[in-house]
Amino acid sequence: MKTILYATDYSENSELALKYAYNLSDKMKAKLLVIHVFDYPTFLDDFSLKPEAAFPNLEGDTLIKHNLKLKAFCKRVLKRDLAALNVKTESIENKSVVNGIIDKANLVGAFLIVTGMKGASKLRELIMGSIAKQLIKEAPCPILTIPNDSVKSQIETIVYATDFEDEDFGALDKLTEIAKPFKAKIKVVHVSPIEETVFKKQKKIIEEKIKKYIDYNNLKLDILYADDAFYALKIYYRNSNADLIAMLERTYSGYTSKLLHRDLVKRMESYGKIPLLSFNAKNYGIFHLE
């Protein structure tokens, strides 16, 4: 059974993300593991100095306190007994929120990590922002970030922005595992500069390649022509009534159009209007095409 990992900082924004994560896990028949990463208090927590060891008798009580708080948070938000919902909770001590989440994701073989789009708590407990961006770059699985505003729990349309890299096919293959339980449409969209042209014959070749490697019939390829890819995609998302955006995060050393895609991903990560599913290309390098 798949495991969806949800990391919370107890902020108000994280409540919506928890509901979304649960609905997703329920639809996918997956386990939901809700975690909170904390650090033990020390004598020097209020000073700008390197902290010493935690209070000797405080660690056990602190862990119990965090576990009780996490369970109470989940029960209050989900309004049902957690065992009946196939939801488990775990508080984790780690000085790094990112490392705590990634270590747990590796340990349970997480299919997906879910976080809120923004956090409202102190920096140490902040889930979105720089920490979520680090997760996107380092996590062993996709990262799904949920915006502050209300979003639909039902996924009907997923838009995947592509540059037609081989890793896109690996990401699309995993994306179908989310789409299938919802019977959602997947719209694969590529934005091409106006001066470039993707001829019908080329589009057909790409469509045949997708059909060969992606086992999902409810999928369509669209090609847009625009010099401002971010603006073009925003219009496309709106017109498509997209419930979920999916993109591939790549690391480039060159310049060319790949840098434009990297900038586009960063802008979409901060867009914050629609749930964003981020795949890291390094996790899909083994998806070789014949």
Foldseek 3Di string as FASTA:
>chain_A
DAEEEEEALLFPLFLLQLVLSLLLCVLLVHAYEYEFEDAADAPCPVDPDDGDDHDPPCVVVVQVVVLVVVLVSNCVSVVDHQVVSNYHYGYHYDQAPLVRRQVVCVVRVHQEYEYEQWGDDDPSRTCHDPSVVVCLADHLHKYKYAFSDDADSQFAEEEEEDPPDLLVLVVLQSVVSSCVSNVHAYEYEYEAEQVDDCDPVNVVVSVVQSVVRHPDDRYYYYYHYHPPVLVVVVVVCVVVVGQEYEYEAEDDPDDPCVVVVNVSVVVVSPPRPHIYIYHYSVSRPPSDDD
